N, C-alpha and C. Protein backbone atom coordinates (compact mmCIF):
# COMPACT_ATOMS: atom_id res chain seq x y z
N MET A 1 0.70 -1.37 0.21
CA MET A 1 0.08 -0.09 0.04
C MET A 1 1.05 1.14 0.13
N SER A 2 0.50 2.34 -0.86
CA SER A 2 1.43 3.61 -0.67
C SER A 2 0.20 4.52 -0.79
N PRO A 3 0.77 5.71 -0.28
CA PRO A 3 -0.13 7.00 0.60
C PRO A 3 -1.22 7.23 -0.80
N ARG A 4 -2.32 7.90 -0.23
CA ARG A 4 -3.09 8.31 -1.33
C ARG A 4 -2.72 9.52 -2.10
N LEU A 5 -1.66 10.53 -1.60
CA LEU A 5 -1.18 11.26 -2.59
C LEU A 5 0.19 11.21 -2.59
N PRO A 6 0.90 11.76 -3.79
CA PRO A 6 2.25 11.84 -3.80
C PRO A 6 2.67 12.68 -2.73
N GLU A 7 3.85 12.28 -2.10
CA GLU A 7 4.56 12.80 -1.41
C GLU A 7 5.00 14.51 -1.82
N ALA A 8 4.98 15.47 -1.12
CA ALA A 8 5.19 16.84 -1.56
C ALA A 8 6.55 17.03 -1.67
N PRO A 9 7.34 17.99 -2.67
CA PRO A 9 8.69 18.16 -2.52
C PRO A 9 9.31 18.64 -1.07
N ASP A 10 10.47 17.99 -0.49
CA ASP A 10 10.84 18.51 0.56
C ASP A 10 11.95 19.51 0.81
N GLU A 11 11.77 20.74 0.26
CA GLU A 11 12.08 21.52 -0.08
C GLU A 11 11.60 23.09 0.61
N GLY A 12 12.48 23.87 1.27
CA GLY A 12 11.68 25.31 1.77
C GLY A 12 11.91 25.27 3.24
N PRO A 13 11.45 26.52 3.73
CA PRO A 13 11.51 26.57 5.08
C PRO A 13 10.84 25.88 5.79
N THR A 14 9.45 25.30 5.37
CA THR A 14 8.72 24.55 6.48
C THR A 14 9.57 22.84 6.50
N ALA A 15 9.86 22.69 5.06
CA ALA A 15 10.47 21.31 5.16
C ALA A 15 11.82 21.40 6.20
N ASP A 16 12.87 22.65 6.11
CA ASP A 16 13.63 22.58 7.31
C ASP A 16 13.06 22.70 8.52
N LEU A 17 11.94 23.57 8.79
CA LEU A 17 11.33 23.53 10.35
C LEU A 17 10.99 21.93 10.78
N LEU A 18 10.70 20.91 9.77
CA LEU A 18 10.26 19.82 10.20
C LEU A 18 11.24 18.98 10.66
N ARG A 19 12.38 19.11 9.57
CA ARG A 19 13.63 18.57 9.73
C ARG A 19 14.17 18.40 11.19
N ALA A 20 14.18 19.92 11.43
CA ALA A 20 15.03 20.41 12.92
C ALA A 20 14.27 19.73 13.99
N ARG A 21 12.98 19.39 13.88
CA ARG A 21 12.47 18.67 15.22
C ARG A 21 12.68 17.16 14.86
N ARG A 22 12.83 16.90 13.59
CA ARG A 22 13.03 15.35 13.47
C ARG A 22 14.53 15.18 13.30
N GLY A 23 15.46 15.60 13.80
CA GLY A 23 16.83 15.43 13.60
C GLY A 23 17.54 15.16 12.13
N GLY A 24 16.66 16.19 11.23
CA GLY A 24 17.16 16.09 9.95
C GLY A 24 16.73 15.02 9.01
N VAL A 25 15.56 14.59 9.47
CA VAL A 25 14.89 13.47 8.28
C VAL A 25 13.80 13.87 8.56
N LEU A 26 12.77 13.55 7.04
CA LEU A 26 11.59 13.66 7.07
C LEU A 26 11.01 12.23 6.83
N THR A 27 9.79 12.17 7.51
CA THR A 27 8.94 11.16 7.37
C THR A 27 7.80 11.11 6.29
N ALA A 28 7.37 9.85 6.03
CA ALA A 28 6.30 9.90 4.82
C ALA A 28 5.19 11.13 5.38
N LEU A 29 4.79 10.71 6.58
CA LEU A 29 3.86 12.11 7.35
C LEU A 29 4.18 13.22 7.20
N ASP A 30 5.72 13.61 7.10
CA ASP A 30 5.94 14.94 7.02
C ASP A 30 5.62 15.40 5.09
N ARG A 31 6.24 14.16 4.68
CA ARG A 31 6.25 15.03 3.23
C ARG A 31 4.75 15.08 3.00
N LEU A 32 3.65 14.41 3.44
CA LEU A 32 2.08 14.75 2.86
C LEU A 32 1.80 15.97 3.60
N LEU A 33 2.22 15.93 4.53
CA LEU A 33 1.91 17.21 5.33
C LEU A 33 2.27 18.70 4.90
N LEU A 34 3.65 18.67 3.83
CA LEU A 34 4.25 19.63 2.97
C LEU A 34 3.10 19.85 2.09
N HIS A 35 2.20 19.54 1.44
CA HIS A 35 1.24 19.95 0.26
C HIS A 35 0.51 21.33 1.07
N SER A 36 0.59 21.19 2.64
CA SER A 36 -0.03 22.60 2.97
C SER A 36 0.73 23.24 4.21
N PRO A 37 1.77 24.03 3.67
CA PRO A 37 2.80 24.68 4.41
C PRO A 37 2.23 25.06 5.81
N PRO A 38 0.99 25.95 5.92
CA PRO A 38 0.46 26.49 7.31
C PRO A 38 0.16 25.23 7.90
N VAL A 39 -0.63 24.28 7.43
CA VAL A 39 -0.85 23.15 8.08
C VAL A 39 0.14 22.41 8.85
N ALA A 40 1.40 22.05 8.00
CA ALA A 40 2.42 21.51 8.52
C ALA A 40 3.40 22.10 9.62
N GLU A 41 3.33 23.34 9.57
CA GLU A 41 3.73 24.50 10.52
C GLU A 41 2.95 24.25 12.04
N GLY A 42 1.82 24.45 11.66
CA GLY A 42 0.89 24.11 12.90
C GLY A 42 1.10 22.84 13.47
N TRP A 43 1.35 21.91 12.74
CA TRP A 43 1.23 20.38 13.16
C TRP A 43 2.69 20.13 13.86
N ASN A 44 3.48 20.87 13.44
CA ASN A 44 5.05 20.77 13.93
C ASN A 44 4.84 21.32 15.27
N ALA A 45 4.28 22.32 15.31
CA ALA A 45 4.32 23.43 16.70
C ALA A 45 3.65 22.54 17.85
N LEU A 46 2.23 21.80 17.55
CA LEU A 46 1.54 21.31 18.04
C LEU A 46 2.20 19.82 18.98
N LEU A 47 2.93 19.32 17.70
CA LEU A 47 3.28 17.88 18.40
C LEU A 47 4.46 18.07 18.49
N GLY A 48 5.14 18.92 18.28
CA GLY A 48 6.66 19.49 19.41
C GLY A 48 6.07 19.64 20.67
N ALA A 49 5.39 20.50 20.77
CA ALA A 49 4.81 20.73 22.07
C ALA A 49 4.48 19.38 23.15
N LEU A 50 3.94 18.55 22.26
CA LEU A 50 3.39 17.69 23.20
C LEU A 50 4.25 16.39 23.01
N ARG A 51 5.27 16.37 22.60
CA ARG A 51 6.06 15.50 22.45
C ARG A 51 7.56 16.04 23.53
N GLY A 52 7.66 17.28 23.55
CA GLY A 52 8.77 17.99 24.21
C GLY A 52 8.76 18.79 25.29
N SER A 53 7.39 19.06 25.37
CA SER A 53 7.36 20.28 26.68
C SER A 53 6.49 20.26 27.62
N THR A 54 5.89 19.11 27.79
CA THR A 54 4.81 18.82 28.45
C THR A 54 5.38 18.15 29.87
N THR A 55 4.84 18.07 31.15
CA THR A 55 5.30 17.61 32.29
C THR A 55 4.63 16.44 32.65
N LEU A 56 4.12 15.78 31.42
CA LEU A 56 3.83 14.38 31.63
C LEU A 56 4.81 13.45 31.70
N PRO A 57 5.12 12.16 32.50
CA PRO A 57 6.12 11.69 32.47
C PRO A 57 6.08 10.53 31.30
N ASP A 58 7.21 10.22 30.61
CA ASP A 58 7.46 9.77 29.30
C ASP A 58 6.57 8.52 29.03
N ASP A 59 6.75 7.65 30.19
CA ASP A 59 5.67 6.15 29.80
C ASP A 59 4.27 6.55 29.85
N LEU A 60 3.88 7.53 30.38
CA LEU A 60 2.44 7.86 30.34
C LEU A 60 2.27 8.56 29.02
N ARG A 61 3.13 9.47 28.56
CA ARG A 61 2.86 9.70 27.18
C ARG A 61 2.69 8.79 26.07
N GLU A 62 3.69 8.17 26.27
CA GLU A 62 3.90 7.05 25.40
C GLU A 62 2.84 5.98 25.41
N LEU A 63 2.69 5.81 26.59
CA LEU A 63 1.42 4.57 26.69
C LEU A 63 0.23 5.41 25.86
N VAL A 64 -0.24 6.70 25.94
CA VAL A 64 -1.46 7.41 25.22
C VAL A 64 -1.30 7.07 23.73
N VAL A 65 -0.18 7.63 23.48
CA VAL A 65 0.08 7.70 22.06
C VAL A 65 0.05 6.21 21.33
N LEU A 66 0.91 5.14 22.11
CA LEU A 66 0.50 3.71 21.45
C LEU A 66 -1.08 3.40 21.13
N ARG A 67 -1.74 3.52 22.65
CA ARG A 67 -3.20 3.33 22.90
C ARG A 67 -3.97 3.82 21.63
N VAL A 68 -3.87 5.09 21.38
CA VAL A 68 -4.70 5.67 20.33
C VAL A 68 -4.09 5.42 18.93
N ALA A 69 -2.81 4.88 18.66
CA ALA A 69 -2.64 4.02 17.43
C ALA A 69 -3.43 2.60 17.65
N VAL A 70 -3.50 1.61 18.60
CA VAL A 70 -4.02 0.68 18.64
C VAL A 70 -5.62 0.77 18.28
N LEU A 71 -6.40 1.88 18.89
CA LEU A 71 -7.97 2.16 18.71
C LEU A 71 -8.34 2.65 17.30
N THR A 72 -7.09 3.20 16.88
CA THR A 72 -7.30 3.55 15.14
C THR A 72 -6.89 3.09 14.27
N GLY A 73 -6.18 2.04 14.46
CA GLY A 73 -5.50 1.15 13.57
C GLY A 73 -4.30 1.78 12.58
N ALA A 74 -3.97 2.96 13.48
CA ALA A 74 -2.72 3.58 12.69
C ALA A 74 -1.52 2.89 13.03
N GLU A 75 -0.87 2.04 12.22
CA GLU A 75 0.27 1.17 12.26
C GLU A 75 1.40 2.19 11.97
N PHE A 76 1.38 3.01 11.39
CA PHE A 76 2.50 3.87 11.18
C PHE A 76 3.03 4.71 12.63
N GLU A 77 1.84 5.10 13.50
CA GLU A 77 2.01 5.13 14.53
C GLU A 77 2.50 4.86 15.63
N TRP A 78 2.03 3.18 15.78
CA TRP A 78 2.69 2.19 16.48
C TRP A 78 4.15 1.90 16.02
N ALA A 79 4.06 1.94 14.96
CA ALA A 79 6.08 1.98 14.52
C ALA A 79 6.65 2.82 14.96
N ALA A 80 6.28 4.11 14.77
CA ALA A 80 7.04 5.25 15.03
C ALA A 80 7.36 5.35 16.74
N HIS A 81 6.14 4.73 17.44
CA HIS A 81 6.22 5.23 18.75
C HIS A 81 6.72 3.98 19.60
N GLU A 82 6.71 2.72 19.12
CA GLU A 82 6.79 1.49 20.00
C GLU A 82 8.39 1.65 20.58
N PRO A 83 9.50 1.91 19.96
CA PRO A 83 10.99 2.18 20.25
C PRO A 83 10.84 3.19 21.21
N ILE A 84 9.88 4.30 21.21
CA ILE A 84 10.15 5.42 22.05
C ILE A 84 9.57 4.97 23.50
N GLY A 85 8.51 4.40 23.12
CA GLY A 85 7.64 3.68 24.35
C GLY A 85 8.54 2.64 25.06
N ARG A 86 9.53 1.79 24.68
CA ARG A 86 10.30 0.86 25.34
C ARG A 86 11.33 1.78 25.72
N ARG A 87 12.01 2.75 25.40
CA ARG A 87 12.87 3.65 25.72
C ARG A 87 12.30 4.78 27.31
N ALA A 88 11.08 4.34 26.94
CA ALA A 88 10.27 4.91 28.49
C ALA A 88 10.10 4.35 29.53
N GLY A 89 10.26 2.98 29.47
CA GLY A 89 10.07 1.67 30.13
C GLY A 89 9.02 0.85 30.05
N LEU A 90 8.27 0.69 28.71
CA LEU A 90 7.11 0.06 28.59
C LEU A 90 8.02 -1.22 28.24
N THR A 91 7.36 -2.43 28.86
CA THR A 91 7.89 -3.67 28.42
C THR A 91 7.34 -4.27 27.03
N ASP A 92 7.77 -5.62 26.83
CA ASP A 92 7.04 -5.98 26.08
C ASP A 92 5.37 -6.48 26.20
N LEU A 93 5.41 -6.97 27.65
CA LEU A 93 4.42 -7.33 28.10
C LEU A 93 3.10 -6.21 28.24
N HIS A 94 3.58 -4.88 28.63
CA HIS A 94 2.88 -3.76 28.54
C HIS A 94 2.23 -3.49 26.95
N LEU A 95 3.38 -3.48 26.00
CA LEU A 95 2.96 -3.39 24.61
C LEU A 95 2.04 -4.47 23.98
N ARG A 96 2.06 -5.69 24.57
CA ARG A 96 1.39 -6.89 24.17
C ARG A 96 -0.18 -6.66 24.55
N VAL A 97 -0.16 -6.09 26.05
CA VAL A 97 -1.57 -6.07 27.09
C VAL A 97 -2.21 -4.58 26.26
N LEU A 98 -1.52 -3.90 25.53
CA LEU A 98 -1.78 -2.63 25.44
C LEU A 98 -2.56 -2.81 24.08
N ARG A 99 -2.21 -4.04 23.19
CA ARG A 99 -2.89 -4.16 21.68
C ARG A 99 -4.18 -4.94 22.15
N SER A 100 -4.48 -5.64 23.46
CA SER A 100 -5.75 -5.89 23.73
C SER A 100 -7.12 -5.62 23.69
N GLY A 101 -8.20 -5.84 23.75
CA GLY A 101 -9.27 -4.89 23.77
C GLY A 101 -9.82 -4.46 25.06
N ASN A 102 -9.33 -4.88 26.09
CA ASN A 102 -9.71 -4.51 27.45
C ASN A 102 -8.41 -4.00 28.39
N PRO A 103 -7.00 -3.52 28.16
CA PRO A 103 -5.65 -3.59 28.66
C PRO A 103 -5.98 -3.05 30.12
N THR A 104 -6.96 -2.18 30.51
CA THR A 104 -7.22 -1.96 31.78
C THR A 104 -7.36 -3.12 32.62
N ALA A 105 -7.97 -4.15 32.30
CA ALA A 105 -8.40 -5.49 33.02
C ALA A 105 -7.25 -6.16 33.47
N GLU A 106 -6.17 -5.86 32.82
CA GLU A 106 -4.74 -6.84 33.24
C GLU A 106 -4.00 -6.05 34.44
N ALA A 107 -3.22 -6.70 35.36
CA ALA A 107 -2.76 -6.28 36.18
C ALA A 107 -1.34 -5.82 36.42
N VAL A 108 -0.57 -5.39 34.93
CA VAL A 108 0.24 -4.84 34.64
C VAL A 108 0.56 -3.38 34.56
N TRP A 109 -0.15 -2.59 35.17
CA TRP A 109 -0.09 -1.07 34.96
C TRP A 109 0.10 -0.62 36.62
N SER A 110 0.81 0.69 36.72
CA SER A 110 0.95 1.16 38.00
C SER A 110 -0.51 2.06 38.05
N PRO A 111 -0.93 2.54 39.31
CA PRO A 111 -2.24 2.96 39.44
C PRO A 111 -2.25 4.45 38.36
N ALA A 112 -1.44 4.92 38.27
CA ALA A 112 -1.34 6.18 37.35
C ALA A 112 -1.56 5.67 35.56
N GLN A 113 -0.77 4.73 35.60
CA GLN A 113 -0.70 4.27 34.20
C GLN A 113 -2.24 3.75 33.94
N ALA A 114 -3.13 2.84 34.84
CA ALA A 114 -4.39 2.45 34.32
C ALA A 114 -5.18 3.72 34.35
N ALA A 115 -4.94 4.39 35.36
CA ALA A 115 -6.15 5.73 35.12
C ALA A 115 -5.87 6.11 33.89
N VAL A 116 -4.68 6.69 33.42
CA VAL A 116 -4.42 7.31 32.11
C VAL A 116 -5.04 6.41 30.85
N LEU A 117 -4.74 4.99 30.86
CA LEU A 117 -5.27 4.43 29.73
C LEU A 117 -6.50 4.48 29.95
N ALA A 118 -7.31 4.12 30.83
CA ALA A 118 -8.92 4.11 30.76
C ALA A 118 -9.40 5.51 30.49
N PHE A 119 -8.63 6.93 30.71
CA PHE A 119 -9.09 8.09 30.18
C PHE A 119 -8.69 8.23 28.44
N THR A 120 -7.55 7.69 28.09
CA THR A 120 -7.48 7.39 26.60
C THR A 120 -8.62 6.91 26.33
N ASP A 121 -9.10 5.48 26.25
CA ASP A 121 -9.71 5.01 26.06
C ASP A 121 -11.17 5.71 25.85
N ALA A 122 -11.63 6.38 27.20
CA ALA A 122 -12.71 7.18 27.01
C ALA A 122 -13.12 7.88 25.92
N SER A 123 -11.73 8.89 26.17
CA SER A 123 -11.71 9.68 25.14
C SER A 123 -11.92 9.78 23.88
N ALA A 124 -10.94 8.40 23.40
CA ALA A 124 -10.50 8.31 22.07
C ALA A 124 -11.85 7.75 21.20
N ARG A 125 -12.64 6.82 22.07
CA ARG A 125 -13.46 6.06 21.76
C ARG A 125 -14.96 6.90 21.68
N ASP A 126 -14.94 7.33 22.80
CA ASP A 126 -16.52 8.13 23.05
C ASP A 126 -16.28 9.50 23.35
N VAL A 127 -15.45 9.91 23.20
CA VAL A 127 -15.14 11.54 23.42
C VAL A 127 -15.39 11.96 24.83
N ALA A 128 -16.53 11.79 25.35
CA ALA A 128 -16.74 12.03 26.72
C ALA A 128 -16.24 11.35 27.72
N VAL A 129 -15.53 11.37 29.01
CA VAL A 129 -14.66 11.05 29.93
C VAL A 129 -15.79 11.13 30.84
N PRO A 130 -16.18 9.85 31.37
CA PRO A 130 -17.06 9.80 32.61
C PRO A 130 -16.36 10.36 33.69
N ASP A 131 -17.38 10.89 34.94
CA ASP A 131 -16.69 11.46 36.36
C ASP A 131 -15.55 10.71 36.96
N PRO A 132 -15.98 9.42 36.97
CA PRO A 132 -15.08 8.38 38.09
C PRO A 132 -13.82 8.27 37.07
N VAL A 133 -13.68 8.14 35.66
CA VAL A 133 -12.50 7.90 34.83
C VAL A 133 -11.53 9.37 35.23
N PHE A 134 -12.23 10.43 35.21
CA PHE A 134 -11.62 11.93 35.30
C PHE A 134 -11.17 11.96 36.60
N ALA A 135 -12.05 11.42 37.59
CA ALA A 135 -11.44 11.68 39.07
C ALA A 135 -9.84 10.48 39.10
N ALA A 136 -10.06 9.41 38.38
CA ALA A 136 -8.92 8.69 38.74
C ALA A 136 -7.59 9.42 38.20
N VAL A 137 -8.07 10.04 37.10
CA VAL A 137 -6.52 10.56 36.55
C VAL A 137 -6.32 11.78 37.65
N ARG A 138 -7.30 12.60 38.08
CA ARG A 138 -7.04 13.71 39.15
C ARG A 138 -6.23 13.23 40.18
N ALA A 139 -6.37 11.78 40.34
CA ALA A 139 -5.55 11.54 41.69
C ALA A 139 -3.90 11.23 41.56
N HIS A 140 -3.99 11.46 40.39
CA HIS A 140 -2.06 11.13 39.95
C HIS A 140 -1.76 12.48 39.01
N LEU A 141 -2.79 13.32 38.31
CA LEU A 141 -2.19 14.31 37.71
C LEU A 141 -2.32 15.73 38.13
N ASP A 142 -1.63 16.75 38.08
CA ASP A 142 -2.20 17.70 38.17
C ASP A 142 -2.78 18.54 37.21
N ASP A 143 -3.08 20.05 37.41
CA ASP A 143 -4.05 20.53 36.49
C ASP A 143 -3.51 20.84 34.89
N ARG A 144 -2.09 21.01 35.24
CA ARG A 144 -1.42 21.43 33.70
C ARG A 144 -1.32 19.93 33.07
N GLN A 145 -1.15 18.73 33.86
CA GLN A 145 -1.19 17.37 33.25
C GLN A 145 -2.32 17.08 32.87
N VAL A 146 -3.19 17.29 33.23
CA VAL A 146 -4.75 16.66 32.75
C VAL A 146 -4.89 17.69 31.48
N VAL A 147 -4.54 18.80 31.39
CA VAL A 147 -4.75 19.66 30.22
C VAL A 147 -3.72 18.74 28.96
N GLU A 148 -2.64 18.78 29.46
CA GLU A 148 -1.79 17.82 28.64
C GLU A 148 -2.02 16.84 28.34
N LEU A 149 -2.63 15.99 28.84
CA LEU A 149 -3.05 14.65 28.65
C LEU A 149 -4.35 14.69 27.84
N THR A 150 -5.35 15.74 28.09
CA THR A 150 -6.23 15.80 27.27
C THR A 150 -6.18 15.98 25.52
N VAL A 151 -5.19 17.02 25.77
CA VAL A 151 -4.46 17.38 24.16
C VAL A 151 -3.82 16.55 23.71
N LEU A 152 -3.25 15.50 24.65
CA LEU A 152 -2.29 14.61 24.01
C LEU A 152 -2.82 13.39 23.27
N VAL A 153 -4.30 12.98 23.85
CA VAL A 153 -5.23 12.03 23.32
C VAL A 153 -5.74 12.62 22.23
N GLY A 154 -6.14 13.56 21.88
CA GLY A 154 -6.75 14.52 20.64
C GLY A 154 -5.77 14.58 19.77
N GLY A 155 -4.75 14.96 20.12
CA GLY A 155 -3.52 15.38 18.83
C GLY A 155 -3.35 14.27 18.41
N TYR A 156 -3.12 13.05 19.08
CA TYR A 156 -2.53 11.94 18.37
C TYR A 156 -3.79 11.22 17.58
N ALA A 157 -4.77 11.16 18.15
CA ALA A 157 -5.76 10.81 17.65
C ALA A 157 -5.99 11.57 16.18
N MET A 158 -6.02 12.86 16.36
CA MET A 158 -5.55 13.71 14.63
C MET A 158 -4.53 13.12 13.92
N VAL A 159 -3.69 12.82 14.58
CA VAL A 159 -1.96 12.34 13.55
C VAL A 159 -2.68 10.71 13.29
N ALA A 160 -3.18 10.15 13.76
CA ALA A 160 -3.70 8.75 13.50
C ALA A 160 -4.79 9.03 12.47
N ARG A 161 -5.72 9.95 12.53
CA ARG A 161 -7.10 10.12 11.47
C ARG A 161 -6.38 10.26 10.11
N PHE A 162 -5.21 11.36 10.25
CA PHE A 162 -4.54 11.74 9.01
C PHE A 162 -3.84 10.36 8.30
N LEU A 163 -3.32 9.77 9.04
CA LEU A 163 -2.50 8.37 8.84
C LEU A 163 -2.91 7.46 8.10
N VAL A 164 -4.36 7.16 8.66
CA VAL A 164 -5.23 6.02 8.21
C VAL A 164 -5.92 6.49 6.82
N ALA A 165 -6.32 7.98 6.94
CA ALA A 165 -7.20 8.41 5.67
C ALA A 165 -6.26 8.47 4.71
N MET A 166 -4.92 8.99 4.92
CA MET A 166 -4.03 8.86 3.46
C MET A 166 -3.35 7.50 3.17
N GLN A 167 -3.86 6.50 4.22
CA GLN A 167 -3.13 5.13 3.92
C GLN A 167 -1.52 5.38 3.83
N VAL A 168 -0.97 5.90 5.14
CA VAL A 168 0.54 5.89 5.23
C VAL A 168 0.80 4.70 5.62
N PRO A 169 1.47 3.79 4.96
CA PRO A 169 2.24 2.59 5.09
C PRO A 169 2.92 2.70 6.50
N ARG A 170 3.09 1.23 7.04
CA ARG A 170 3.66 1.28 8.40
C ARG A 170 5.36 1.18 7.57
N PRO A 171 6.24 2.05 8.14
CA PRO A 171 7.87 1.90 7.86
C PRO A 171 8.32 0.85 8.21
N ALA A 172 9.37 0.36 7.74
CA ALA A 172 10.28 -0.41 7.78
C ALA A 172 11.46 0.30 8.76
N GLY A 173 11.71 -0.07 10.08
CA GLY A 173 12.88 0.34 10.68
C GLY A 173 12.17 1.26 11.52
N GLU A 174 13.25 2.03 12.26
CA GLU A 174 12.50 3.07 13.31
C GLU A 174 12.52 4.65 12.60
N VAL A 175 11.37 4.80 13.28
CA VAL A 175 10.66 6.28 12.49
C VAL A 175 11.76 7.51 13.23
N PRO A 176 11.96 8.48 12.56
CA PRO A 176 12.74 9.45 13.32
C PRO A 176 11.47 10.10 14.20
N GLY A 177 12.30 10.67 15.40
CA GLY A 177 11.32 11.26 16.37
C GLY A 177 10.92 12.73 15.66
């Protein structure tokens, strides 16, 4: 499978901006976004903030991203974030359970991870987050982190929807950050 659109030229200031965040390399996702430089720049700013400027612990951030990838069928997103999740402390068992239909039923998560996972499932699946699920997250996260978590779920749902709609294939090897 190949993407539904051809890749845009990877030249110019917007491409350079994306390269700077990715360590000099553009992904297939970036090359599709470059069809609209203003969107690519906004995307880069939001995702850069979510990846590098939040106060969420790395394991929680990657747990969210990987769960959203599972719920949306975004294989590119999973491939891009599985190695990052491993570096953040997620194990083979965590990753296997994360792909299951009801990962919170498994006793492999810390209380904070379980709360964040339940929040992610509720927000990504139903949009509305039930009060008990929200309260469980509040027991582990401060106000800023709750905002960051909520935008993280929505932001990576946006990424997943773009990847799936454009049929961006799962890459071979690790995807640059």
